[in-house]
Amino acid sequence: MGTISGTSTAEIEAPIEQVWDAVEDVLSAPDWQGGLKDMEELERDAEGHVTLAETSSDAKVRTLKSTVRFAYDGPARLEWRQEKGEMKSVEGAWELDDLGDGRTRATYRLEVELGRMLGMVIRGPLVDALRGQLVSARAQELKEHVERG
């Protein structure tokens, strides 16, 4: 079975609250995260956070759909877990650290277990390409999104 996992980190020239605003707005993520095609709200909590959403991601060979549940611990951590979908499992998180002087370190973590069927289709160099798209680029994408305003 194929596994795609990893982390990426970037230092962002913005205060943690500004970075958190971008991270917690999960519905806007397809606007700045490569490969994330769509995010559709299914549920919100009492604070107005999207807690359940259906996503569509470009997996190079096909579009993969997932229903993910979000948990917010702002302004330091946003995590998510697939509740149902085409992959065996998906777990991820944004972790934000206040570096002072209006700077923030953002770390993105993702672990995807493709499962038997997808693992037969998505393998070899394609796994590395997907890791680059789904993991390695994320922190830099957030940095560019926030610093661009």
C-alpha atoms as a PDB file:
ATOM      1  CA  MET A   1       0.000   0.000   0.000  1.00  0.00           C
ATOM      2  CA  GLY A   2       1.237   3.486  -0.807  1.00  0.00           C
ATOM      3  CA  THR A   3       1.853   6.108   1.821  1.00  0.00           C
ATOM      4  CA  ILE A   4       2.382   9.790   1.209  1.00  0.00           C
ATOM      5  CA  SER A   5       3.647  11.638   4.259  1.00  0.00           C
ATOM      6  CA  GLY A   6       5.871  14.495   5.221  1.00  0.00           C
ATOM      7  CA  THR A   7       6.181  18.002   6.569  1.00  0.00           C
ATOM      8  CA  SER A   8       7.017  21.404   5.202  1.00  0.00           C
ATOM      9  CA  THR A   9       7.885  24.567   7.109  1.00  0.00           C
ATOM     10  CA  ALA A  10       8.138  28.260   6.260  1.00  0.00           C
ATOM     11  CA  GLU A  11       8.832  31.430   8.205  1.00  0.00           C
ATOM     12  CA  ILE A  12       6.214  34.033   7.355  1.00  0.00           C
ATOM     13  CA  GLU A  13       6.616  37.787   7.690  1.00  0.00           C
ATOM     14  CA  ALA A  14       3.262  38.251   9.429  1.00  0.00           C
ATOM     15  CA  PRO A  15       1.943  37.983  13.000  1.00  0.00           C
ATOM     16  CA  ILE A  16       0.486  34.640  14.069  1.00  0.00           C
ATOM     17  CA  GLU A  17      -3.073  36.023  14.148  1.00  0.00           C
ATOM     18  CA  GLN A  18      -2.863  36.986  10.466  1.00  0.00           C
ATOM     19  CA  VAL A  19      -1.477  33.572   9.523  1.00  0.00           C
ATOM     20  CA  TRP A  20      -4.172  31.882  11.633  1.00  0.00           C
ATOM     21  CA  ASP A  21      -6.861  33.859   9.777  1.00  0.00           C
ATOM     22  CA  ALA A  22      -5.643  32.306   6.505  1.00  0.00           C
ATOM     23  CA  VAL A  23      -5.300  28.778   7.939  1.00  0.00           C
ATOM     24  CA  GLU A  24      -8.693  28.672   9.663  1.00  0.00           C
ATOM     25  CA  ASP A  25     -10.494  29.867   6.517  1.00  0.00           C
ATOM     26  CA  VAL A  26     -10.519  26.342   5.113  1.00  0.00           C
ATOM     27  CA  LEU A  27     -13.051  27.165   2.394  1.00  0.00           C
ATOM     28  CA  SER A  28     -10.550  29.522   0.723  1.00  0.00           C
ATOM     29  CA  ALA A  29      -7.776  26.883   0.688  1.00  0.00           C
ATOM     30  CA  PRO A  30      -8.415  25.835  -2.949  1.00  0.00           C
ATOM     31  CA  ASP A  31      -7.619  29.432  -3.968  1.00  0.00           C
ATOM     32  CA  TRP A  32      -3.997  29.104  -2.835  1.00  0.00           C
ATOM     33  CA  GLN A  33      -3.222  25.392  -2.321  1.00  0.00           C
ATOM     34  CA  GLY A  34      -2.071  23.638  -5.474  1.00  0.00           C
ATOM     35  CA  GLY A  35      -3.886  20.401  -6.245  1.00  0.00           C
ATOM     36  CA  LEU A  36      -6.839  21.190  -3.974  1.00  0.00           C
ATOM     37  CA  LYS A  37      -9.623  21.671  -6.493  1.00  0.00           C
ATOM     38  CA  ASP A  38     -12.672  22.253  -4.299  1.00  0.00           C
ATOM     39  CA  MET A  39     -13.827  22.480  -0.673  1.00  0.00           C
ATOM     40  CA  GLU A  40     -17.545  22.300   0.091  1.00  0.00           C
ATOM     41  CA  GLU A  41     -18.874  23.049   3.568  1.00  0.00           C
ATOM     42  CA  LEU A  42     -21.039  20.340   5.172  1.00  0.00           C
ATOM     43  CA  GLU A  43     -21.140  21.442   8.853  1.00  0.00           C
ATOM     44  CA  ARG A  44     -20.142  24.389  11.088  1.00  0.00           C
ATOM     45  CA  ASP A  45     -19.637  24.630  14.843  1.00  0.00           C
ATOM     46  CA  ALA A  46     -21.085  27.261  17.221  1.00  0.00           C
ATOM     47  CA  GLU A  47     -18.073  29.547  16.593  1.00  0.00           C
ATOM     48  CA  GLY A  48     -18.697  29.464  12.836  1.00  0.00           C
ATOM     49  CA  HIS A  49     -15.748  27.201  11.953  1.00  0.00           C
ATOM     50  CA  VAL A  50     -16.240  24.698   9.153  1.00  0.00           C
ATOM     51  CA  THR A  51     -15.971  21.354  10.938  1.00  0.00           C
ATOM     52  CA  LEU A  52     -16.890  18.993   8.104  1.00  0.00           C
ATOM     53  CA  ALA A  53     -16.184  19.501   4.416  1.00  0.00           C
ATOM     54  CA  GLU A  54     -15.993  17.537   1.207  1.00  0.00           C
ATOM     55  CA  THR A  55     -12.776  18.055  -0.739  1.00  0.00           C
ATOM     56  CA  SER A  56     -11.638  17.260  -4.250  1.00  0.00           C
ATOM     57  CA  SER A  57      -7.910  16.888  -4.871  1.00  0.00           C
ATOM     58  CA  ASP A  58      -5.975  16.402  -8.090  1.00  0.00           C
ATOM     59  CA  ALA A  59      -4.017  13.166  -7.670  1.00  0.00           C
ATOM     60  CA  LYS A  60      -2.411  13.395 -11.129  1.00  0.00           C
ATOM     61  CA  VAL A  61      -4.165  10.273 -12.418  1.00  0.00           C
ATOM     62  CA  ARG A  62      -7.640  11.224 -11.179  1.00  0.00           C
ATOM     63  CA  THR A  63      -9.560  13.498  -8.820  1.00  0.00           C
ATOM     64  CA  LEU A  64      -9.932  12.106  -5.293  1.00  0.00           C
ATOM     65  CA  LYS A  65     -12.838  13.020  -3.036  1.00  0.00           C
ATOM     66  CA  SER A  66     -12.759  12.969   0.766  1.00  0.00           C
ATOM     67  CA  THR A  67     -14.976  14.052   3.605  1.00  0.00           C
ATOM     68  CA  VAL A  68     -12.738  15.561   6.287  1.00  0.00           C
ATOM     69  CA  ARG A  69     -13.401  16.721   9.838  1.00  0.00           C
ATOM     70  CA  PHE A  70     -11.510  19.765  11.137  1.00  0.00           C
ATOM     71  CA  ALA A  71     -10.518  20.564  14.735  1.00  0.00           C
ATOM     72  CA  TYR A  72      -9.436  24.112  15.624  1.00  0.00           C
ATOM     73  CA  ASP A  73      -7.043  25.094  18.424  1.00  0.00           C
ATOM     74  CA  GLY A  74      -6.293  28.647  17.366  1.00  0.00           C
ATOM     75  CA  PRO A  75      -4.112  30.374  16.816  1.00  0.00           C
ATOM     76  CA  ALA A  76      -1.654  27.492  17.078  1.00  0.00           C
ATOM     77  CA  ARG A  77      -3.115  24.375  15.454  1.00  0.00           C
ATOM     78  CA  LEU A  78      -5.648  23.214  12.879  1.00  0.00           C
ATOM     79  CA  GLU A  79      -5.941  19.484  12.282  1.00  0.00           C
ATOM     80  CA  TRP A  80      -8.067  17.317  10.048  1.00  0.00           C
ATOM     81  CA  ARG A  81      -8.891  13.666   9.498  1.00  0.00           C
ATOM     82  CA  GLN A  82     -10.715  11.923   6.683  1.00  0.00           C
ATOM     83  CA  GLU A  83     -14.067  10.483   7.800  1.00  0.00           C
ATOM     84  CA  LYS A  84     -14.811   8.855   4.463  1.00  0.00           C
ATOM     85  CA  GLY A  85     -13.300   8.914   1.036  1.00  0.00           C
ATOM     86  CA  GLU A  86     -11.348   7.153  -1.629  1.00  0.00           C
ATOM     87  CA  MET A  87      -8.125   6.880   0.372  1.00  0.00           C
ATOM     88  CA  LYS A  88      -7.650   4.517   3.289  1.00  0.00           C
ATOM     89  CA  SER A  89      -6.793   7.373   5.664  1.00  0.00           C
ATOM     90  CA  VAL A  90      -5.806  11.042   5.682  1.00  0.00           C
ATOM     91  CA  GLU A  91      -4.524  12.985   8.683  1.00  0.00           C
ATOM     92  CA  GLY A  92      -3.013  16.444   8.592  1.00  0.00           C
ATOM     93  CA  ALA A  93      -2.308  19.589  10.572  1.00  0.00           C
ATOM     94  CA  TRP A  94      -1.089  23.151  10.439  1.00  0.00           C
ATOM     95  CA  GLU A  95       1.062  24.143  13.427  1.00  0.00           C
ATOM     96  CA  LEU A  96       1.855  27.829  13.955  1.00  0.00           C
ATOM     97  CA  ASP A  97       4.595  29.209  16.214  1.00  0.00           C
ATOM     98  CA  ASP A  98       4.872  32.897  17.114  1.00  0.00           C
ATOM     99  CA  LEU A  99       8.502  33.890  16.474  1.00  0.00           C
ATOM    100  CA  GLY A 100       8.010  37.458  17.730  1.00  0.00           C
ATOM    101  CA  ASP A 101       8.617  40.665  15.804  1.00  0.00           C
ATOM    102  CA  GLY A 102       5.547  39.975  13.631  1.00  0.00           C
ATOM    103  CA  ARG A 103       6.892  36.655  12.290  1.00  0.00           C
ATOM    104  CA  THR A 104       5.362  33.183  12.350  1.00  0.00           C
ATOM    105  CA  ARG A 105       6.695  29.700  11.659  1.00  0.00           C
ATOM    106  CA  ALA A 106       4.103  27.535   9.880  1.00  0.00           C
ATOM    107  CA  THR A 107       4.539  23.764   9.723  1.00  0.00           C
ATOM    108  CA  TYR A 108       2.317  21.573   7.564  1.00  0.00           C
ATOM    109  CA  ARG A 109       2.029  17.852   8.314  1.00  0.00           C
ATOM    110  CA  LEU A 110       0.260  15.257   6.206  1.00  0.00           C
ATOM    111  CA  GLU A 111      -0.029  11.486   6.246  1.00  0.00           C
ATOM    112  CA  VAL A 112      -2.061   9.720   3.563  1.00  0.00           C
ATOM    113  CA  GLU A 113      -2.516   5.973   3.294  1.00  0.00           C
ATOM    114  CA  LEU A 114      -3.681   5.375  -0.270  1.00  0.00           C
ATOM    115  CA  GLY A 115      -5.083   1.902   0.300  1.00  0.00           C
ATOM    116  CA  ARG A 116      -4.741  -1.151  -1.898  1.00  0.00           C
ATOM    117  CA  MET A 117      -6.580   0.004  -5.030  1.00  0.00           C
ATOM    118  CA  LEU A 118      -5.095   3.519  -5.225  1.00  0.00           C
ATOM    119  CA  GLY A 119      -1.700   2.133  -4.201  1.00  0.00           C
ATOM    120  CA  MET A 120      -1.686   0.042  -7.368  1.00  0.00           C
ATOM    121  CA  VAL A 121      -2.370   3.128  -9.532  1.00  0.00           C
ATOM    122  CA  ILE A 122      -0.369   5.770  -7.659  1.00  0.00           C
ATOM    123  CA  ARG A 123       3.172   4.468  -7.173  1.00  0.00           C
ATOM    124  CA  GLY A 124       6.800   5.006  -8.072  1.00  0.00           C
ATOM    125  CA  PRO A 125       7.657   8.497  -9.371  1.00  0.00           C
ATOM    126  CA  LEU A 126       3.990   9.511  -9.082  1.00  0.00           C
ATOM    127  CA  VAL A 127       4.164   9.164  -5.278  1.00  0.00           C
ATOM    128  CA  ASP A 128       7.106  11.589  -5.214  1.00  0.00           C
ATOM    129  CA  ALA A 129       5.268  14.012  -7.503  1.00  0.00           C
ATOM    130  CA  LEU A 130       2.195  13.908  -5.275  1.00  0.00           C
ATOM    131  CA  ARG A 131       4.308  14.361  -2.123  1.00  0.00           C
ATOM    132  CA  GLY A 132       5.776  17.482  -3.703  1.00  0.00           C
ATOM    133  CA  GLN A 133       2.335  18.811  -4.596  1.00  0.00           C
ATOM    134  CA  LEU A 134       0.465  17.800  -1.424  1.00  0.00           C
ATOM    135  CA  VAL A 135       3.148  18.257   1.226  1.00  0.00           C
ATOM    136  CA  SER A 136       6.381  19.947   0.200  1.00  0.00           C
ATOM    137  CA  ALA A 137       4.822  23.019  -1.400  1.00  0.00           C
ATOM    138  CA  ARG A 138       2.176  23.758   1.261  1.00  0.00           C
ATOM    139  CA  ALA A 139       4.107  25.915   3.735  1.00  0.00           C
ATOM    140  CA  GLN A 140       5.576  28.027   0.930  1.00  0.00           C
ATOM    141  CA  GLU A 141       2.088  28.424  -0.586  1.00  0.00           C
ATOM    142  CA  LEU A 142       0.786  29.686   2.773  1.00  0.00           C
ATOM    143  CA  LYS A 143       3.736  32.090   3.078  1.00  0.00           C
ATOM    144  CA  GLU A 144       3.075  33.532  -0.393  1.00  0.00           C
ATOM    145  CA  HIS A 145      -0.683  33.748   0.256  1.00  0.00           C
ATOM    146  CA  VAL A 146      -0.318  35.591   3.586  1.00  0.00           C
ATOM    147  CA  GLU A 147       2.547  37.899   2.575  1.00  0.00           C
ATOM    148  CA  ARG A 148       0.731  38.822  -0.648  1.00  0.00           C
ATOM    149  CA  GLY A 149      -2.207  39.944   1.469  1.00  0.00           C
END
